[in-house]
Amino acid sequence: MARYYKKKIIRTSLAGRLTYLAIRAHCRTLKISVVNEASWQELHRAGERVLLCTWHQHLFGIMVGRFWNYCDWHPAVMISRSADGDLVSCMARLAGWRPVRGSSSRGGMAALKTMIRHMRTHRMGVHILDGPRGPRGEVKPGVIQLARAAKAVLVPFYLTTDRAWVFNSWDRFFIPKPGARATVRFGEPLRIKPVKDKADLEAERLRLQELMLPGLRNP
């Protein structure tokens, strides 16, 4: 029964708004720096489509740094249809982002098509590579399909910090502690190679996964 009411509360817009305000207040205590942002912004200004990607444990990185200022570019982010997803979706809308509801386990194909349409129009999105349930550190093939269909470059990013709370969750999600130094680091843009069959798709998935693994935070 308690779990039922917890889900009901999480799904309310009030819960989303209060969480959003709390995160904004928390981020103001952090000493934030952003590394290598210009590399992909120049591509976006030149008319290219950019898909930022990270691990689920780095999801808090979307809440810090200059991510608040990307709303003018109308970025989209795929969010699961769970109760937690309702909370995150509400916060995304408040930040000026476009939440697209769906995941590999529920509504994934419809969400993928919506993301492709959005990327073709607005040229910017974010993808969580191993979400929403893992396995941790395993890239799902959907991101390759999305990047190919939208003709987008992939840009990895990570959140690093000198001290954090680490959750006992499947992804080892972490949040920088108040006053911590936090850095959002962008990697070099990655272009997906031509994919003719499932073997090519798997090769590109593994190539991205190998590139991303050094950024996986180990508690």
Protein backbone atom coordinates (compact mmCIF):
# COMPACT_ATOMS: atom_id res chain seq x y z
CA MET A 1 0.00 0.00 0.00
CA ALA A 2 2.83 2.42 0.90
CA ARG A 3 4.48 1.70 -2.44
CA TYR A 4 1.20 2.42 -4.23
CA TYR A 5 0.86 5.86 -2.62
CA LYS A 6 4.54 6.60 -3.25
CA LYS A 7 3.98 6.03 -6.97
CA LYS A 8 0.85 8.20 -6.91
CA ILE A 9 2.78 11.05 -5.27
CA ILE A 10 5.75 10.75 -7.63
CA ARG A 11 3.44 11.02 -10.64
CA THR A 12 2.03 14.41 -9.56
CA SER A 13 3.16 17.65 -11.18
CA LEU A 14 3.73 19.14 -7.72
CA ALA A 15 6.31 16.46 -6.93
CA GLY A 16 8.07 17.17 -10.21
CA ARG A 17 8.10 20.92 -9.63
CA LEU A 18 9.40 20.63 -6.06
CA THR A 19 12.12 18.18 -7.13
CA TYR A 20 13.10 20.46 -9.99
CA LEU A 21 13.44 23.46 -7.67
CA ALA A 22 15.40 21.41 -5.13
CA ILE A 23 17.86 20.26 -7.81
CA ARG A 24 18.30 23.80 -9.11
CA ALA A 25 19.03 25.00 -5.58
CA HIS A 26 21.46 22.12 -5.01
CA CYS A 27 23.31 22.84 -8.27
CA ARG A 28 23.90 26.44 -7.20
CA THR A 29 26.14 25.11 -4.41
CA LEU A 30 28.39 23.21 -6.84
CA LYS A 31 31.59 24.49 -8.41
CA ILE A 32 30.78 23.56 -12.00
CA SER A 33 33.02 23.48 -15.05
CA VAL A 34 32.32 22.28 -18.59
CA VAL A 35 35.00 20.72 -20.83
CA ASN A 36 35.05 20.47 -24.65
CA GLU A 37 31.58 21.91 -25.18
CA ALA A 38 32.61 23.90 -28.27
CA SER A 39 33.48 20.77 -30.29
CA TRP A 40 29.86 19.72 -30.78
CA GLN A 41 28.24 23.17 -30.55
CA GLU A 42 30.16 24.27 -33.65
CA LEU A 43 28.74 21.26 -35.51
CA HIS A 44 25.21 22.12 -34.35
CA ARG A 45 25.55 25.75 -35.43
CA ALA A 46 26.78 24.51 -38.81
CA GLY A 47 23.48 22.63 -39.28
CA GLU A 48 24.42 19.14 -38.11
CA ARG A 49 22.26 17.01 -35.85
CA VAL A 50 23.80 16.23 -32.46
CA LEU A 51 22.83 13.38 -30.12
CA LEU A 52 24.46 13.67 -26.70
CA CYS A 53 24.78 10.31 -24.94
CA THR A 54 25.80 9.06 -21.51
CA TRP A 55 25.32 6.26 -18.98
CA HIS A 56 22.30 6.16 -16.67
CA GLN A 57 24.52 6.72 -13.63
CA HIS A 58 25.56 10.11 -15.12
CA LEU A 59 21.95 11.24 -15.56
CA PHE A 60 22.40 13.97 -12.94
CA GLY A 61 24.89 15.55 -15.33
CA ILE A 62 21.95 16.77 -17.41
CA MET A 63 20.89 18.85 -14.41
CA VAL A 64 24.17 20.76 -14.03
CA GLY A 65 26.50 22.94 -16.05
CA ARG A 66 25.19 24.59 -19.17
CA PHE A 67 22.47 22.01 -19.82
CA TRP A 68 19.95 24.51 -18.47
CA ASN A 69 20.83 26.81 -21.39
CA TYR A 70 20.26 24.25 -24.15
CA CYS A 71 16.48 24.69 -24.00
CA ASP A 72 16.62 27.28 -26.80
CA TRP A 73 17.67 24.43 -29.12
CA HIS A 74 14.60 22.36 -28.13
CA PRO A 75 16.46 19.15 -27.20
CA ALA A 76 14.54 15.91 -26.72
CA VAL A 77 15.30 13.10 -24.29
CA MET A 78 13.78 9.61 -24.17
CA ILE A 79 12.28 8.80 -20.76
CA SER A 80 10.66 5.56 -19.62
CA ARG A 81 6.92 5.23 -18.92
CA SER A 82 7.51 4.38 -15.25
CA ALA A 83 6.54 6.37 -12.16
CA ASP A 84 10.12 7.63 -11.86
CA GLY A 85 9.90 8.53 -15.54
CA ASP A 86 6.85 10.70 -14.82
CA LEU A 87 8.91 12.65 -12.29
CA VAL A 88 11.88 13.07 -14.66
CA SER A 89 9.56 13.98 -17.54
CA CYS A 90 7.98 16.76 -15.49
CA MET A 91 11.41 18.17 -14.62
CA ALA A 92 12.50 17.96 -18.26
CA ARG A 93 9.51 20.03 -19.36
CA LEU A 94 10.21 22.64 -16.67
CA ALA A 95 13.78 22.91 -17.97
CA GLY A 96 12.49 23.49 -21.50
CA TRP A 97 13.31 20.01 -22.79
CA ARG A 98 11.02 17.75 -24.82
CA PRO A 99 10.40 14.43 -23.01
CA VAL A 100 9.71 11.48 -25.32
CA ARG A 101 8.13 8.64 -23.36
CA GLY A 102 9.26 5.09 -24.03
CA SER A 103 12.08 2.61 -23.46
CA SER A 104 13.40 -0.72 -24.71
CA SER A 105 10.91 -2.53 -22.46
CA ARG A 106 7.79 -0.43 -23.12
CA GLY A 107 6.82 1.83 -26.02
CA GLY A 108 10.32 1.84 -27.42
CA MET A 109 9.52 1.77 -31.14
CA ALA A 110 7.02 4.64 -30.97
CA ALA A 111 9.44 6.68 -28.86
CA LEU A 112 12.28 5.98 -31.28
CA LYS A 113 10.20 7.24 -34.22
CA THR A 114 9.27 10.38 -32.27
CA MET A 115 12.92 11.01 -31.42
CA ILE A 116 13.90 10.63 -35.08
CA ARG A 117 11.26 13.16 -36.18
CA HIS A 118 12.31 15.57 -33.45
CA MET A 119 16.00 15.25 -34.31
CA ARG A 120 15.33 15.90 -37.99
CA THR A 121 13.50 19.12 -37.10
CA HIS A 122 15.37 20.50 -34.07
CA ARG A 123 18.73 18.74 -34.53
CA MET A 124 19.43 18.01 -30.86
CA GLY A 125 18.68 15.24 -28.40
CA VAL A 126 20.02 13.24 -25.47
CA HIS A 127 20.09 9.47 -25.12
CA ILE A 128 20.75 7.34 -22.02
CA LEU A 129 22.68 4.37 -23.34
CA ASP A 130 21.95 1.68 -20.73
CA GLY A 131 18.65 2.93 -19.33
CA PRO A 132 16.21 2.54 -17.83
CA ARG A 133 17.05 -0.85 -16.27
CA GLY A 134 20.47 -1.83 -17.55
CA PRO A 135 22.52 -3.93 -17.59
CA ARG A 136 24.92 -1.30 -16.34
CA GLY A 137 27.47 -0.26 -18.93
CA GLU A 138 25.77 -2.04 -21.84
CA VAL A 139 24.85 0.13 -24.83
CA LYS A 140 21.39 -0.64 -26.22
CA PRO A 141 21.22 -0.89 -30.04
CA GLY A 142 18.48 1.75 -30.27
CA VAL A 143 20.98 4.60 -30.11
CA ILE A 144 22.72 3.36 -33.27
CA GLN A 145 19.38 3.12 -35.08
CA LEU A 146 18.45 6.61 -33.90
CA ALA A 147 21.74 8.18 -34.95
CA ARG A 148 21.58 6.50 -38.38
CA ALA A 149 17.97 7.42 -39.08
CA ALA A 150 18.42 11.02 -37.92
CA LYS A 151 21.87 11.33 -39.56
CA ALA A 152 23.24 12.60 -36.25
CA VAL A 153 26.70 12.60 -34.72
CA LEU A 154 27.03 11.00 -31.27
CA VAL A 155 28.70 13.04 -28.54
CA PRO A 156 29.54 11.21 -25.28
CA PHE A 157 29.47 13.14 -22.02
CA TYR A 158 30.27 12.29 -18.41
CA LEU A 159 29.83 13.88 -15.01
CA THR A 160 32.84 13.77 -12.69
CA THR A 161 33.02 15.08 -9.15
CA ASP A 162 35.42 15.08 -6.21
CA ARG A 163 32.79 13.85 -3.73
CA ALA A 164 29.35 12.35 -4.19
CA TRP A 165 26.53 10.32 -2.75
CA VAL A 166 26.44 6.94 -4.51
CA PHE A 167 23.12 5.11 -4.54
CA ASN A 168 22.76 1.37 -4.05
CA SER A 169 20.98 1.00 -7.39
CA TRP A 170 21.63 -1.14 -10.48
CA ASP A 171 23.48 1.72 -12.18
CA ARG A 172 25.35 3.07 -9.10
CA PHE A 173 23.70 6.45 -9.67
CA PHE A 174 25.51 9.33 -7.99
CA ILE A 175 24.89 12.97 -7.04
CA PRO A 176 27.65 15.47 -6.20
CA LYS A 177 27.55 16.56 -2.57
CA PRO A 178 26.83 20.22 -1.73
CA GLY A 179 29.86 22.39 -2.45
CA ALA A 180 31.58 19.71 -4.53
CA ARG A 181 33.53 20.36 -7.71
CA ALA A 182 31.58 18.94 -10.64
CA THR A 183 32.70 18.74 -14.27
CA VAL A 184 30.67 17.86 -17.35
CA ARG A 185 33.12 16.45 -19.92
CA PHE A 186 32.17 16.10 -23.56
CA GLY A 187 34.01 13.62 -25.77
CA GLU A 188 34.82 14.02 -29.43
CA PRO A 189 31.90 13.64 -31.87
CA LEU A 190 31.49 10.11 -33.25
CA ARG A 191 30.02 9.37 -36.67
CA ILE A 192 28.28 6.04 -37.16
CA LYS A 193 29.66 3.94 -40.01
CA PRO A 194 27.34 2.53 -42.72
CA VAL A 195 25.19 -0.32 -41.41
CA LYS A 196 24.00 -2.95 -43.91
CA ASP A 197 22.94 -5.80 -41.62
CA LYS A 198 22.70 -6.94 -37.98
CA ALA A 199 26.42 -7.72 -37.87
CA ASP A 200 27.26 -4.14 -38.82
CA LEU A 201 24.76 -2.83 -36.24
CA GLU A 202 26.36 -4.96 -33.52
CA ALA A 203 29.85 -3.83 -34.55
CA GLU A 204 28.84 -0.18 -34.21
CA ARG A 205 27.13 -0.85 -30.86
CA LEU A 206 30.30 -2.47 -29.54
CA ARG A 207 32.45 0.36 -30.92
CA LEU A 208 30.37 2.93 -29.04
CA GLN A 209 30.33 0.77 -25.90
CA GLU A 210 34.13 0.44 -25.92
CA LEU A 211 34.44 4.20 -26.34
CA MET A 212 32.05 4.86 -23.45
CA LEU A 213 33.35 2.34 -20.91
CA PRO A 214 36.25 4.52 -19.62
CA GLY A 215 33.64 7.06 -18.48
CA LEU A 216 31.74 4.53 -16.36
CA ARG A 217 32.19 5.53 -12.73
CA ASN A 218 33.22 2.65 -10.45
CA PRO A 219 32.28 3.16 -6.78
